[in-house]
Amino acid sequence: MKLALGKLPPELLRKYVLTMTGAKSKELVLSPRVGLDFGVVKLRSGFLIVSSDPVTGIAKNVGRHAVVVSANDVATSGNRASFMQSVILLPERVDERTVKELTSKMADAAKQLGITIVGGHTEVTPGLDRPIVMTTAFAIARSFVSAGGAKAGDTLMMTKSAGIEGTAILAEEAARRGASPTTVRRASRFFDRMSVVDDAEGAFDTGFIHAMHDCTEGGVLGAVYEMGVASRIGIEVDEGKIPVASETRAVCAVLGVDPLKLIGSGALLVAVEGGKEEVVKSALYPLGISVTSIGKFRAGEGTLIHEKGGRRTLIRDSPTDELWRVERTAHLVST
């Protein structure tokens, strides 16, 4: 079977990846599972939170991007990453200027987030048409939540809006297909909205959060599905309540893309104790972060989407990200 671009399907992850964990350890607190953003190891005092992520689908802003996505995953635990390792694979014929730009942007992003880059590996690799950067972020924590802690009766809340990361990535392609200069300029700035570190910290500090998950590959719908699977619980989502920025709508309309299935780093899903929604809103408002109630967790399993037209759809798998579909017909990589 030929595999589609993007994440492996959950059934293949379970079959070939998630069970292949090497030696057993009693210190492993949170083991690999579909929908989880990080692993947790018990230390003598506290926990080590660890998460890895690659940046593969873009060539611009790769350095900043690589730092932010791993920091986001750790942040969904309720903790800020403190340290990071990086693996940088560069295409042949790369020049020094490109290397300097990439690593300096990584350093700037890490400094802004309070992260120290402690090491890694960098090489020129045959067969690549773009830089590929993989980062691993670490945090030392006293407590944490994961995507797997949601409870029946919790409210599903979402920060910011859908498709933030994809909006920024697809801005140039939208320009080539006729999007207005104003839309393209504003959409390109969405790279600056990609961090959920403040979102997660502000929500977690309320004490009413049972689970968090960031909207990466597969967009909001993919993240909702993963959160339900990780928590082994049912979710009902009101599609009409999912916030979508006007710039995202404009870019997606030009490209024929579903914003709810578009990679969305920058938006955070939060399982909030029922009745405590206003507490979370009040905590995030001073940070300039919007948060919207988009659904409910319920007993049972399955993710049910209440669509705008009144139709109800059961999501049975995480959708393939719309970014990969566009990439098949467009050259998204700068040269």
Protein backbone atom coordinates (compact mmCIF):
# COMPACT_ATOMS: atom_id res chain seq x y z
CA MET A 1 0.00 0.00 0.00
CA LYS A 2 1.38 3.39 -1.02
CA LEU A 3 1.21 5.82 1.87
CA ALA A 4 -0.14 9.36 1.62
CA LEU A 5 1.95 12.40 2.49
CA GLY A 6 1.92 13.50 6.11
CA LYS A 7 1.51 11.64 9.36
CA LEU A 8 1.11 7.88 9.24
CA PRO A 9 -2.51 6.78 9.76
CA PRO A 10 -3.29 5.88 13.39
CA GLU A 11 -3.64 2.16 12.63
CA LEU A 12 -0.14 2.03 11.13
CA LEU A 13 1.29 4.05 13.99
CA ARG A 14 -0.18 1.57 16.45
CA LYS A 15 1.00 -1.42 14.43
CA TYR A 16 4.54 -0.40 13.51
CA VAL A 17 5.64 2.57 15.63
CA LEU A 18 4.00 3.08 19.02
CA THR A 19 4.75 -0.42 20.29
CA MET A 20 8.38 -0.39 19.13
CA THR A 21 9.77 1.29 22.23
CA GLY A 22 12.85 -0.75 23.08
CA ALA A 23 13.70 -1.51 26.69
CA LYS A 24 10.98 -1.14 29.31
CA SER A 25 11.39 1.49 32.01
CA LYS A 26 9.45 1.99 35.21
CA GLU A 27 10.36 5.68 34.99
CA LEU A 28 8.28 6.11 31.83
CA VAL A 29 5.10 7.83 33.04
CA LEU A 30 3.43 8.72 29.74
CA SER A 31 4.14 6.28 26.93
CA PRO A 32 3.60 6.88 23.19
CA ARG A 33 -0.05 7.01 22.09
CA VAL A 34 -2.00 8.50 19.19
CA GLY A 35 -2.82 12.12 19.95
CA LEU A 36 -0.22 12.73 22.64
CA ASP A 37 2.17 15.64 22.13
CA PHE A 38 5.04 14.51 24.36
CA GLY A 39 6.50 11.80 26.56
CA VAL A 40 7.02 11.99 30.32
CA VAL A 41 9.80 10.45 32.39
CA LYS A 42 9.74 10.37 36.21
CA LEU A 43 12.77 12.02 37.78
CA ARG A 44 13.92 11.85 41.38
CA SER A 45 12.06 15.08 41.91
CA GLY A 46 9.47 16.01 39.28
CA PHE A 47 9.10 15.01 35.64
CA LEU A 48 11.00 15.36 32.37
CA ILE A 49 8.70 16.43 29.50
CA VAL A 50 10.13 15.60 26.05
CA SER A 51 8.80 16.27 22.54
CA SER A 52 10.27 16.07 19.02
CA ASP A 53 8.99 17.60 15.79
CA PRO A 54 10.27 18.02 12.22
CA VAL A 55 9.68 20.88 9.82
CA THR A 56 9.35 19.35 6.36
CA GLY A 57 6.73 21.21 4.33
CA ILE A 58 8.29 24.66 3.98
CA ALA A 59 11.61 26.34 3.19
CA LYS A 60 11.02 29.87 4.48
CA ASN A 61 11.13 30.68 8.20
CA VAL A 62 12.29 27.11 8.87
CA GLY A 63 14.52 28.11 11.78
CA ARG A 64 11.88 29.93 13.80
CA HIS A 65 9.27 27.37 12.80
CA ALA A 66 11.33 24.46 14.10
CA VAL A 67 11.77 26.01 17.53
CA VAL A 68 8.15 27.04 17.92
CA VAL A 69 6.55 23.70 16.99
CA SER A 70 8.48 21.68 19.57
CA ALA A 71 8.05 24.38 22.20
CA ASN A 72 4.31 24.25 21.50
CA ASP A 73 4.13 20.51 22.08
CA VAL A 74 5.85 20.80 25.45
CA ALA A 75 3.66 23.79 26.34
CA THR A 76 0.54 21.61 26.07
CA SER A 77 1.75 19.95 29.26
CA GLY A 78 1.30 23.28 31.05
CA ASN A 79 5.05 23.87 31.21
CA ARG A 80 7.55 25.94 29.24
CA ALA A 81 10.41 24.21 27.45
CA SER A 82 13.80 25.13 28.87
CA PHE A 83 16.20 23.22 26.60
CA MET A 84 16.31 22.06 22.99
CA GLN A 85 18.37 19.86 20.65
CA SER A 86 18.29 20.28 16.87
CA VAL A 87 19.12 18.18 13.81
CA ILE A 88 19.58 20.28 10.67
CA LEU A 89 19.70 18.54 7.28
CA LEU A 90 20.68 20.85 4.43
CA PRO A 91 20.29 20.28 0.67
CA GLU A 92 23.29 20.09 -1.62
CA ARG A 93 24.55 23.41 -3.03
CA VAL A 94 23.43 25.23 0.12
CA ASP A 95 25.47 28.37 0.86
CA GLU A 96 26.77 29.88 4.09
CA ARG A 97 24.23 32.68 4.00
CA THR A 98 21.37 30.17 4.15
CA VAL A 99 22.95 28.36 7.08
CA LYS A 100 23.50 31.62 8.95
CA GLU A 101 19.92 32.79 8.35
CA LEU A 102 18.44 29.47 9.49
CA THR A 103 20.47 29.13 12.67
CA SER A 104 20.19 32.80 13.64
CA LYS A 105 16.40 32.61 13.38
CA MET A 106 16.45 29.48 15.53
CA ALA A 107 18.54 31.29 18.13
CA ASP A 108 16.27 34.36 18.09
CA ALA A 109 13.11 32.27 18.51
CA ALA A 110 14.66 30.20 21.29
CA LYS A 111 15.77 33.33 23.14
CA GLN A 112 12.27 34.83 22.90
CA LEU A 113 10.81 31.65 24.43
CA GLY A 114 13.46 31.30 27.13
CA ILE A 115 14.93 28.14 25.58
CA THR A 116 18.62 27.19 25.56
CA ILE A 117 19.79 25.16 22.54
CA VAL A 118 22.19 22.62 24.05
CA GLY A 119 23.41 20.71 20.99
CA GLY A 120 22.47 18.63 17.98
CA HIS A 121 23.79 17.77 14.52
CA THR A 122 24.08 19.66 11.22
CA GLU A 123 24.99 18.25 7.80
CA VAL A 124 24.55 18.59 4.04
CA THR A 125 22.42 15.65 2.90
CA PRO A 126 21.92 14.27 -0.64
CA GLY A 127 18.43 13.99 -2.08
CA LEU A 128 16.85 17.02 -0.40
CA ASP A 129 15.22 19.99 -2.14
CA ARG A 130 14.82 22.01 1.06
CA PRO A 131 16.26 22.21 4.57
CA ILE A 132 14.71 19.79 7.06
CA VAL A 133 15.01 20.69 10.72
CA MET A 134 14.07 18.43 13.62
CA THR A 135 13.97 19.73 17.17
CA THR A 136 13.54 18.05 20.54
CA ALA A 137 12.35 20.22 23.43
CA PHE A 138 12.70 19.46 27.13
CA ALA A 139 11.05 20.79 30.29
CA ILE A 140 11.46 19.92 33.96
CA ALA A 141 8.01 19.95 35.56
CA ARG A 142 6.32 19.45 38.91
CA SER A 143 2.95 18.63 37.34
CA PHE A 144 1.44 18.32 33.88
CA VAL A 145 -1.64 17.60 31.80
CA SER A 146 -1.73 15.84 28.43
CA ALA A 147 -4.12 15.50 25.50
CA GLY A 148 -5.39 12.32 27.15
CA GLY A 149 -6.96 13.78 30.29
CA ALA A 150 -10.31 15.13 29.10
CA LYS A 151 -13.41 14.10 31.08
CA ALA A 152 -17.09 13.77 30.22
CA GLY A 153 -18.77 17.11 30.87
CA ASP A 154 -15.67 19.17 30.05
CA THR A 155 -16.05 22.03 27.59
CA LEU A 156 -13.83 22.03 24.51
CA MET A 157 -12.34 25.49 24.07
CA MET A 158 -10.04 26.75 21.33
CA THR A 159 -7.66 29.70 21.32
CA LYS A 160 -7.22 32.09 18.38
CA SER A 161 -8.44 30.64 15.05
CA ALA A 162 -8.19 27.73 12.61
CA GLY A 163 -5.43 27.20 10.04
CA ILE A 164 -2.97 29.79 11.36
CA GLU A 165 0.20 28.03 10.25
CA GLY A 166 -1.24 26.97 6.90
CA THR A 167 -2.46 30.49 6.19
CA ALA A 168 1.10 31.81 6.48
CA ILE A 169 2.63 28.96 4.45
CA LEU A 170 0.09 29.25 1.63
CA ALA A 171 0.11 33.05 1.37
CA GLU A 172 2.53 33.17 -1.59
CA GLU A 173 0.68 30.46 -3.50
CA ALA A 174 -2.56 32.35 -2.89
CA ALA A 175 -0.90 35.45 -4.37
CA ARG A 176 0.01 33.49 -7.50
CA ARG A 177 -3.63 32.46 -7.83
CA GLY A 178 -5.08 35.94 -7.50
CA ALA A 179 -5.45 36.75 -3.79
CA SER A 180 -5.30 40.47 -3.08
CA PRO A 181 -1.97 42.01 -1.99
CA THR A 182 -3.56 43.06 1.31
CA THR A 183 -4.72 39.52 2.05
CA VAL A 184 -1.31 38.07 1.17
CA ARG A 185 0.57 40.61 3.27
CA ARG A 186 -1.63 40.02 6.31
CA ALA A 187 -1.66 36.25 5.86
CA SER A 188 2.15 36.16 5.72
CA ARG A 189 2.25 37.71 9.18
CA PHE A 190 0.42 34.70 10.64
CA PHE A 191 3.85 33.12 11.23
CA ASP A 192 4.01 35.47 14.24
CA ARG A 193 0.85 33.89 15.73
CA MET A 194 2.15 30.32 15.79
CA SER A 195 3.25 30.01 19.41
CA VAL A 196 0.80 28.57 21.96
CA VAL A 197 3.23 28.84 24.87
CA ASP A 198 1.40 31.79 26.46
CA ASP A 199 -2.00 30.26 25.63
CA ALA A 200 -1.14 27.01 27.39
CA GLU A 201 0.54 28.59 30.40
CA GLY A 202 -2.31 31.03 30.96
CA ALA A 203 -4.96 28.32 30.72
CA PHE A 204 -3.06 25.77 32.84
CA ASP A 205 -2.49 28.27 35.64
CA THR A 206 -6.26 28.55 36.21
CA GLY A 207 -6.25 25.05 37.70
CA PHE A 208 -9.36 24.04 35.72
CA ILE A 209 -7.69 22.38 32.73
CA HIS A 210 -7.87 18.60 32.25
CA ALA A 211 -6.21 18.31 28.82
CA MET A 212 -4.58 20.39 26.08
CA HIS A 213 -3.59 19.69 22.46
CA ASP A 214 -2.24 21.98 19.73
CA CYS A 215 -3.74 22.07 16.25
CA THR A 216 -0.96 20.88 13.97
CA GLU A 217 -1.22 18.52 10.99
CA GLY A 218 -4.83 17.82 10.05
CA GLY A 219 -5.95 21.16 11.42
CA VAL A 220 -8.67 21.67 14.01
CA LEU A 221 -10.59 18.56 12.96
CA GLY A 222 -7.47 16.42 13.12
CA ALA A 223 -6.59 17.78 16.56
CA VAL A 224 -10.11 17.24 17.89
CA TYR A 225 -10.06 13.64 16.64
CA GLU A 226 -6.66 13.01 18.23
CA MET A 227 -7.76 14.51 21.53
CA GLY A 228 -10.78 12.22 21.64
CA VAL A 229 -8.66 9.17 20.85
CA ALA A 230 -6.02 10.12 23.42
CA SER A 231 -8.64 10.69 26.12
CA ARG A 232 -10.71 7.66 25.06
CA ILE A 233 -13.81 9.81 25.15
CA GLY A 234 -16.47 11.21 22.83
CA ILE A 235 -16.55 14.79 21.57
CA GLU A 236 -19.30 16.84 19.94
CA VAL A 237 -18.17 19.94 18.06
CA ASP A 238 -20.26 22.78 16.64
CA GLU A 239 -18.56 23.59 13.33
CA GLY A 240 -20.16 27.03 13.20
CA LYS A 241 -18.45 28.05 16.42
CA ILE A 242 -14.90 27.28 15.23
CA PRO A 243 -13.25 30.68 14.66
CA VAL A 244 -11.69 31.26 11.23
CA ALA A 245 -9.86 34.53 10.53
CA SER A 246 -10.88 36.53 7.45
CA GLU A 247 -7.36 36.17 6.01
CA THR A 248 -7.58 32.39 6.37
CA ARG A 249 -10.97 32.32 4.68
CA ALA A 250 -9.64 34.40 1.79
CA VAL A 251 -6.51 32.26 1.27
CA CYS A 252 -8.50 29.04 1.52
CA ALA A 253 -11.18 30.28 -0.89
CA VAL A 254 -8.60 31.07 -3.58
CA LEU A 255 -6.92 27.66 -3.18
CA GLY A 256 -10.05 25.56 -2.65
CA VAL A 257 -8.89 24.51 0.81
CA ASP A 258 -10.90 23.54 3.91
CA PRO A 259 -9.57 25.75 6.75
CA LEU A 260 -10.65 23.23 9.38
CA LYS A 261 -8.29 20.61 7.89
CA LEU A 262 -5.38 22.99 7.40
CA ILE A 263 -2.27 22.76 9.58
CA GLY A 264 -2.93 25.11 12.45
CA SER A 265 -0.04 25.62 14.86
CA GLY A 266 -0.96 28.69 16.91
CA ALA A 267 -4.36 27.41 17.99
CA LEU A 268 -4.72 25.39 21.20
CA LEU A 269 -7.51 23.00 22.16
CA VAL A 270 -8.31 22.95 25.87
CA ALA A 271 -10.55 20.63 27.91
CA VAL A 272 -11.99 22.92 30.60
CA GLU A 273 -13.94 21.80 33.65
CA GLY A 274 -17.61 22.47 32.95
CA GLY A 275 -18.73 25.83 34.31
CA LYS A 276 -15.21 27.30 34.39
CA GLU A 277 -15.15 28.66 30.85
CA GLU A 278 -15.28 32.32 31.94
CA VAL A 279 -12.34 31.77 34.29
CA VAL A 280 -10.23 30.65 31.34
CA LYS A 281 -11.42 33.54 29.18
CA SER A 282 -10.55 35.99 31.96
CA ALA A 283 -7.07 34.48 32.32
CA LEU A 284 -6.27 34.73 28.60
CA TYR A 285 -7.88 38.11 27.88
CA PRO A 286 -5.06 40.19 29.46
CA LEU A 287 -2.61 38.26 27.27
CA GLY A 288 -4.48 39.34 24.14
CA ILE A 289 -5.51 35.74 23.42
CA SER A 290 -9.06 34.98 22.31
CA VAL A 291 -10.67 31.68 23.35
CA THR A 292 -13.95 30.19 22.14
CA SER A 293 -16.13 27.32 23.35
CA ILE A 294 -16.59 25.00 20.35
CA GLY A 295 -17.89 21.74 21.82
CA LYS A 296 -18.37 19.28 24.67
CA PHE A 297 -16.76 16.06 25.82
CA ARG A 298 -19.20 13.23 26.46
CA ALA A 299 -19.20 9.64 27.64
CA GLY A 300 -18.46 7.06 24.95
CA GLU A 301 -16.19 7.41 21.93
CA GLY A 302 -16.18 9.11 18.53
CA THR A 303 -15.93 12.70 17.30
CA LEU A 304 -19.24 14.09 16.06
CA ILE A 305 -19.24 17.31 14.03
CA HIS A 306 -22.44 19.37 13.91
CA GLU A 307 -22.09 21.07 10.53
CA LYS A 308 -23.53 24.47 9.68
CA GLY A 309 -26.28 23.05 7.48
CA GLY A 310 -27.62 20.84 10.26
CA ARG A 311 -25.89 17.68 9.05
CA ARG A 312 -23.96 15.59 11.57
CA THR A 313 -20.73 13.83 10.56
CA LEU A 314 -18.77 11.28 12.55
CA ILE A 315 -15.00 11.63 12.08
CA ARG A 316 -13.47 8.16 11.90
CA ASP A 317 -9.87 9.18 11.25
CA SER A 318 -7.57 12.18 11.31
CA PRO A 319 -7.91 13.93 7.92
CA THR A 320 -4.99 14.36 5.53
CA ASP A 321 -3.78 17.91 5.87
CA GLU A 322 -4.86 20.27 3.10
CA LEU A 323 -1.31 21.62 2.86
CA TRP A 324 -0.11 18.36 1.30
CA ARG A 325 -2.92 18.45 -1.26
CA VAL A 326 -1.94 21.95 -2.36
CA GLU A 327 1.73 21.00 -2.48
CA ARG A 328 0.98 18.33 -5.09
CA THR A 329 -0.06 21.06 -7.51
CA ALA A 330 2.09 23.97 -6.37
CA HIS A 331 5.76 24.59 -5.68
CA LEU A 332 5.68 25.85 -2.10
CA VAL A 333 9.43 25.63 -1.62
CA SER A 334 11.64 28.68 -2.13
CA THR A 335 14.87 28.12 -4.07
